[in-house]
Amino acid sequence: MTLTRTKPKQSLPARIAARAGGGAVRVFLILVALFWLMPTIGLLFSSLRSPTDIAETGWWKVFSAPSDLTLDNYAALLDNNTVIDSLLSTIMITVPSTVLVVVIGSLAGYAFTWMDFPGRDWWFLVVVGLLVVPVQVALVPVSELFGKIGIFETTAGVVLFHVAFGLPFAIFLLRNFFAEIPKELLEAARLDGAGEIRLFTRVVMPLGGPAIASLGIFQFLWVWNDMLVALIFADSASPPITVALQRQVRQFGNNIDILAPGAFISMIIPLIVFFAFQRQFVSGVMAGAVK
C-alpha cells in the first residue's frame, strides 16, 4: 500500500502572490514607469521642437514627424546669459551645501555615537527637536540677521541657510546608522593604537558609506530643487535656476524655446546624480531596513 501525498490547496491570495512575479506584473510595472516618466519625455521632446510647432501641436507629434526635431532651442539657451549664469549659481550653492552637510553631519554623528562629552544626550535631543522646525518660521528672523551681518542676497547666505537646516536631519540619520557599527570593532582599533581621527576615517567612514551617500543625494536634491530659500536669500542679479525659470515665465510667457530646454537641464542633472549613486543609495536604504 503506497501513500500518496496530496498537495495542499492554496488560497486565492496565495495564488495571486505566487503569480505576482509573472510577465503580466512586469508589463504593468513597465507601464507605470513609462507613465511616471511621461512628463520628462514630453519636456525633452518639447525642448527639441521649434516654438511654432509647440504652439500648433502637442509634443507627441514628434513620432509622426521626427525630422522636425532640432537643437536650435539649446543653441538659444547657450546664448541666454541669464539661464547660464543661473545654472552656475545653482552649482555654486548646491555643491558647498551638500559637501558641508555631509562632512559636518558625519563628524557630529560620530561624536554623538562614540564620544563622551558633557550633555551629549541632551544636545542630541535638541538636534532631534530642530527636525520639527519648519523653514518658513525662520525666514523673517534669519533675513534680519543676514542683513545685519552683510550676507543677505549672497551665495554664502543661501549656503549657510541650507547647511543650518540640513544638519539636524544629517546628524540624526548618521548617528543612528553609526550606532549599529559593532562596538568591538572600534575597541579593537583602539587597542591597535588608533585615535579618534583614524577611527573616523578608516573604520566609521567606510562602513557608513551607503548612509553618507544617501544623505548626500537627499541634500543635493533638496538644495537643487529649492525655490523658496533661493527666492528670498539669493542674489537677485544671479539667482538659481529655479528662480530664473520662474522669472522667465512671469516676464516672457511665450518663450517656450528657452523655458523647455532650461527646465529639462534643471531636471536632468539631479536625475544623473541619483542614478550615478543609486547603488549606494539602495545599499543605505536596505541597511537601514535590516537594522
Protein backbone atom coordinates (compact mmCIF):
# COMPACT_ATOMS: atom_id res chain seq x y z
CA MET A 1 0.00 0.00 0.00
CA THR A 2 1.50 3.28 -1.09
CA LEU A 3 0.65 6.58 0.42
CA THR A 4 0.15 9.49 -1.93
CA ARG A 5 0.96 12.93 -0.71
CA THR A 6 -1.69 15.42 -1.66
CA LYS A 7 -0.59 18.94 -2.40
CA PRO A 8 -2.26 21.43 -0.08
CA LYS A 9 -4.68 23.69 -1.84
CA GLN A 10 -3.52 27.28 -1.97
CA SER A 11 -5.84 30.07 -1.09
CA LEU A 12 -6.73 32.77 -3.61
CA PRO A 13 -4.40 35.42 -2.09
CA ALA A 14 -1.57 32.89 -2.10
CA ARG A 15 -2.15 32.08 -5.78
CA ILE A 16 -2.20 35.78 -6.63
CA ALA A 17 1.03 36.32 -4.71
CA ALA A 18 2.65 33.34 -6.44
CA ARG A 19 1.85 34.79 -9.84
CA ALA A 20 2.95 38.29 -8.88
CA GLY A 21 6.36 37.78 -10.45
CA GLY A 22 4.90 36.80 -13.80
CA GLY A 23 5.08 38.63 -17.07
CA ALA A 24 1.80 40.48 -16.57
CA VAL A 25 3.08 42.22 -13.45
CA ARG A 26 6.33 43.13 -15.15
CA VAL A 27 4.44 44.65 -18.07
CA PHE A 28 2.29 46.57 -15.60
CA LEU A 29 5.35 47.91 -13.79
CA ILE A 30 6.92 48.97 -17.09
CA LEU A 31 3.73 50.84 -17.99
CA VAL A 32 3.72 52.55 -14.60
CA ALA A 33 7.35 53.58 -15.07
CA LEU A 34 6.59 54.97 -18.55
CA PHE A 35 3.60 56.85 -17.17
CA TRP A 36 5.79 58.29 -14.41
CA LEU A 37 8.40 59.35 -16.99
CA MET A 38 5.82 60.85 -19.34
CA PRO A 39 6.30 64.48 -18.16
CA THR A 40 10.07 64.12 -18.55
CA ILE A 41 9.71 62.63 -22.02
CA GLY A 42 7.26 65.34 -23.02
CA LEU A 43 9.58 68.07 -21.76
CA LEU A 44 12.50 66.55 -23.65
CA PHE A 45 10.61 66.43 -26.95
CA SER A 46 9.25 69.94 -26.38
CA SER A 47 12.77 71.24 -25.88
CA LEU A 48 13.70 69.77 -29.28
CA ARG A 49 10.84 71.39 -31.21
CA SER A 50 10.54 74.85 -32.68
CA PRO A 51 8.32 77.44 -30.94
CA THR A 52 5.89 77.34 -33.89
CA ASP A 53 5.46 73.56 -33.67
CA ILE A 54 5.00 73.77 -29.90
CA ALA A 55 2.26 76.38 -30.30
CA GLU A 56 0.42 74.45 -33.02
CA THR A 57 0.65 70.78 -31.98
CA GLY A 58 1.44 68.62 -28.99
CA TRP A 59 4.81 67.04 -28.30
CA TRP A 60 3.55 63.58 -29.29
CA LYS A 61 3.54 64.71 -32.93
CA VAL A 62 7.30 64.04 -32.99
CA PHE A 63 6.52 60.35 -33.53
CA SER A 64 4.88 61.16 -36.86
CA ALA A 65 7.42 63.83 -37.86
CA PRO A 66 10.75 63.09 -36.17
CA SER A 67 12.58 65.21 -38.75
CA ASP A 68 11.15 68.33 -37.10
CA LEU A 69 13.37 67.84 -34.06
CA THR A 70 16.08 70.45 -33.74
CA LEU A 71 18.80 71.60 -31.35
CA ASP A 72 18.16 75.28 -32.04
CA ASN A 73 16.49 75.71 -28.63
CA TYR A 74 19.60 74.55 -26.83
CA ALA A 75 21.72 76.85 -29.00
CA ALA A 76 19.46 79.72 -27.99
CA LEU A 77 19.75 78.64 -24.38
CA LEU A 78 23.53 78.82 -24.53
CA ASP A 79 23.18 82.38 -25.84
CA ASN A 80 20.94 83.31 -22.90
CA ASN A 81 23.33 84.60 -20.25
CA THR A 82 20.61 84.72 -17.59
CA VAL A 83 19.92 80.99 -17.70
CA ILE A 84 23.60 80.03 -17.95
CA ASP A 85 24.53 82.26 -15.02
CA SER A 86 21.66 80.81 -13.01
CA LEU A 87 22.93 77.27 -13.65
CA LEU A 88 26.40 78.25 -12.43
CA SER A 89 24.84 79.97 -9.41
CA THR A 90 22.85 76.81 -8.62
CA ILE A 91 26.01 74.70 -8.76
CA MET A 92 27.86 77.16 -6.52
CA ILE A 93 25.06 76.87 -3.97
CA THR A 94 24.29 73.16 -4.20
CA VAL A 95 27.81 71.68 -4.10
CA PRO A 96 29.05 73.52 -0.95
CA SER A 97 25.72 72.99 0.81
CA THR A 98 25.87 69.25 0.14
CA VAL A 99 29.55 68.80 1.00
CA LEU A 100 29.34 70.82 4.24
CA VAL A 101 26.24 68.98 5.44
CA VAL A 102 27.79 65.58 4.71
CA VAL A 103 31.13 66.41 6.35
CA ILE A 104 29.79 68.21 9.43
CA GLY A 105 26.92 65.74 9.82
CA SER A 106 29.34 62.79 9.67
CA LEU A 107 31.64 64.31 12.30
CA ALA A 108 28.73 65.21 14.58
CA GLY A 109 27.11 61.80 14.11
CA TYR A 110 30.35 60.11 15.09
CA ALA A 111 30.72 62.37 18.13
CA PHE A 112 27.17 61.74 19.34
CA THR A 113 27.66 57.99 18.91
CA TRP A 114 31.16 57.14 20.10
CA MET A 115 32.49 60.10 22.08
CA ASP A 116 31.64 61.03 25.65
CA PHE A 117 31.18 64.70 26.46
CA PRO A 118 29.00 66.60 28.96
CA GLY A 119 25.34 66.79 27.99
CA ARG A 120 25.69 64.54 24.95
CA ASP A 121 22.20 63.05 25.18
CA TRP A 122 20.61 66.42 25.91
CA TRP A 123 22.32 68.01 22.94
CA PHE A 124 21.12 65.18 20.73
CA LEU A 125 17.54 65.79 21.92
CA VAL A 126 17.98 69.41 20.87
CA VAL A 127 19.06 68.23 17.42
CA VAL A 128 16.02 65.96 17.20
CA GLY A 129 13.81 68.86 18.27
CA LEU A 130 15.18 71.01 15.45
CA LEU A 131 13.85 68.49 12.94
CA VAL A 132 10.31 69.73 13.50
CA VAL A 133 11.13 73.42 12.98
CA PRO A 134 9.67 74.46 9.61
CA VAL A 135 11.77 76.53 7.26
CA GLN A 136 9.06 79.17 6.94
CA VAL A 137 9.34 80.08 10.64
CA ALA A 138 12.96 81.14 10.26
CA LEU A 139 12.68 83.18 7.07
CA VAL A 140 11.99 86.58 8.66
CA PRO A 141 14.40 86.42 11.65
CA VAL A 142 17.19 84.90 9.56
CA SER A 143 16.68 87.55 6.89
CA GLU A 144 17.11 90.26 9.51
CA LEU A 145 20.20 88.53 10.90
CA PHE A 146 21.79 88.10 7.48
CA GLY A 147 21.05 91.74 6.68
CA LYS A 148 22.84 92.91 9.82
CA ILE A 149 25.97 90.83 9.18
CA GLY A 150 26.02 91.64 5.46
CA ILE A 151 25.37 88.27 3.82
CA PHE A 152 21.77 88.82 2.72
CA GLU A 153 21.29 88.16 -1.02
CA THR A 154 24.64 86.42 -1.30
CA THR A 155 25.65 82.88 -2.20
CA ALA A 156 27.23 82.45 1.23
CA GLY A 157 23.92 83.31 2.90
CA VAL A 158 21.98 80.74 0.88
CA VAL A 159 24.61 78.07 1.56
CA LEU A 160 24.60 78.87 5.29
CA PHE A 161 20.81 78.63 5.45
CA HIS A 162 20.75 75.26 3.68
CA VAL A 163 23.54 73.90 5.85
CA ALA A 164 21.83 75.03 9.06
CA PHE A 165 18.53 73.37 8.16
CA GLY A 166 20.13 70.28 6.64
CA LEU A 167 22.34 69.40 9.60
CA PRO A 168 19.65 68.23 12.09
CA PHE A 169 18.43 65.52 9.70
CA ALA A 170 22.01 64.63 8.72
CA ILE A 171 23.12 64.23 12.34
CA PHE A 172 20.02 62.25 13.25
CA LEU A 173 20.40 59.90 10.28
CA LEU A 174 24.13 59.27 10.59
CA ARG A 175 24.10 58.97 14.37
CA ASN A 176 21.53 56.17 14.20
CA PHE A 177 23.47 54.45 11.42
CA PHE A 178 26.84 54.74 13.16
CA ALA A 179 25.31 53.33 16.36
CA GLU A 180 24.80 50.00 14.57
CA ILE A 181 28.53 49.56 13.98
CA PRO A 182 29.82 46.83 16.33
CA LYS A 183 31.47 48.39 19.36
CA GLU A 184 34.03 45.57 19.45
CA LEU A 185 35.34 46.70 16.07
CA LEU A 186 36.17 50.17 17.37
CA GLU A 187 37.63 48.81 20.60
CA ALA A 188 39.93 46.53 18.61
CA ALA A 189 41.08 49.50 16.56
CA ARG A 190 41.73 51.49 19.73
CA LEU A 191 43.83 48.64 21.11
CA ASP A 192 45.91 48.84 17.94
CA GLY A 193 46.63 52.48 18.76
CA ALA A 194 44.07 54.19 16.52
CA GLY A 195 42.95 57.63 17.62
CA GLU A 196 39.57 59.24 17.06
CA ILE A 197 40.54 60.71 13.69
CA ARG A 198 41.83 57.39 12.38
CA LEU A 199 38.78 55.58 13.76
CA PHE A 200 36.54 58.01 11.94
CA THR A 201 38.39 57.94 8.61
CA ARG A 202 39.48 54.28 8.50
CA VAL A 203 36.61 52.46 10.23
CA VAL A 204 33.44 54.52 10.51
CA MET A 205 33.51 56.29 7.15
CA PRO A 206 33.96 53.15 5.01
CA LEU A 207 31.24 51.30 6.91
CA GLY A 208 28.92 54.31 6.79
CA GLY A 209 29.42 54.92 3.07
CA PRO A 210 25.89 53.88 2.00
CA ALA A 211 24.24 56.11 4.60
CA ILE A 212 26.52 59.03 3.73
CA ALA A 213 25.76 58.58 0.02
CA SER A 214 22.02 58.52 0.74
CA LEU A 215 22.34 61.70 2.78
CA GLY A 216 24.31 63.37 0.00
CA ILE A 217 21.62 62.52 -2.56
CA PHE A 218 18.82 63.82 -0.33
CA GLN A 219 20.66 67.06 0.40
CA PHE A 220 21.65 67.61 -3.23
CA LEU A 221 18.09 67.13 -4.49
CA TRP A 222 16.64 69.37 -1.78
CA VAL A 223 19.03 72.25 -2.43
CA TRP A 224 18.99 71.95 -6.23
CA ASN A 225 15.18 71.98 -6.44
CA ASP A 226 14.69 74.63 -3.76
CA MET A 227 12.90 77.78 -4.76
CA LEU A 228 11.62 79.37 -1.54
CA VAL A 229 15.00 79.93 0.12
CA ALA A 230 16.61 80.95 -3.17
CA LEU A 231 13.80 83.43 -3.89
CA ILE A 232 14.41 85.21 -0.58
CA PHE A 233 18.12 84.89 0.17
CA ALA A 234 19.82 84.55 -3.22
CA ASP A 235 21.30 87.42 -5.17
CA SER A 236 18.61 88.85 -7.45
CA ALA A 237 21.25 89.60 -10.09
CA SER A 238 22.31 85.94 -10.40
CA PRO A 239 19.52 83.75 -8.99
CA PRO A 240 19.48 79.94 -9.06
CA ILE A 241 17.87 78.14 -11.96
CA THR A 242 14.51 77.64 -10.22
CA VAL A 243 14.09 81.38 -9.65
CA ALA A 244 15.43 82.26 -13.10
CA LEU A 245 12.93 79.98 -14.84
CA GLN A 246 10.11 81.36 -12.72
CA ARG A 247 11.04 84.88 -13.76
CA GLN A 248 11.18 83.85 -17.40
CA VAL A 249 7.62 82.54 -17.14
CA ARG A 250 6.43 85.71 -15.45
CA GLN A 251 8.15 88.14 -17.81
CA PHE A 252 8.09 86.28 -21.13
CA GLY A 253 5.27 83.79 -21.05
CA ASN A 254 5.66 82.76 -24.69
CA ASN A 255 9.40 81.99 -24.82
CA ILE A 256 8.94 78.24 -24.51
CA ASP A 257 12.05 77.77 -26.64
CA ILE A 258 14.11 78.94 -23.64
CA LEU A 259 11.96 77.53 -20.85
CA ALA A 260 11.72 73.96 -22.16
CA PRO A 261 15.46 73.22 -22.54
CA GLY A 262 16.25 75.15 -19.36
CA ALA A 263 13.70 73.17 -17.36
CA PHE A 264 14.91 69.90 -18.85
CA ILE A 265 18.55 70.63 -17.96
CA SER A 266 17.48 71.67 -14.48
CA MET A 267 15.66 68.35 -14.07
CA ILE A 268 18.13 66.01 -15.76
CA ILE A 269 21.13 66.95 -13.60
CA PRO A 270 19.54 65.68 -10.33
CA LEU A 271 18.47 62.52 -12.18
CA ILE A 272 22.05 61.94 -13.33
CA VAL A 273 23.31 62.38 -9.76
CA PHE A 274 20.69 59.99 -8.43
CA PHE A 275 21.37 57.24 -10.95
CA ALA A 276 25.13 57.68 -10.52
CA PHE A 277 24.82 56.93 -6.80
CA GLN A 278 21.74 54.71 -6.83
CA ARG A 279 23.72 51.62 -5.81
CA GLN A 280 24.97 53.35 -2.66
CA PHE A 281 21.52 54.80 -2.08
CA VAL A 282 19.81 51.40 -2.28
CA SER A 283 22.51 49.89 -0.03
CA GLY A 284 21.88 52.56 2.54
CA VAL A 285 18.12 52.10 2.45
CA MET A 286 18.40 48.31 2.67
CA ALA A 287 20.91 48.55 5.52
CA GLY A 288 18.55 50.80 7.42
CA ALA A 289 15.66 48.42 6.77
CA VAL A 290 17.61 45.41 8.03
CA LYS A 291 18.80 47.21 11.12
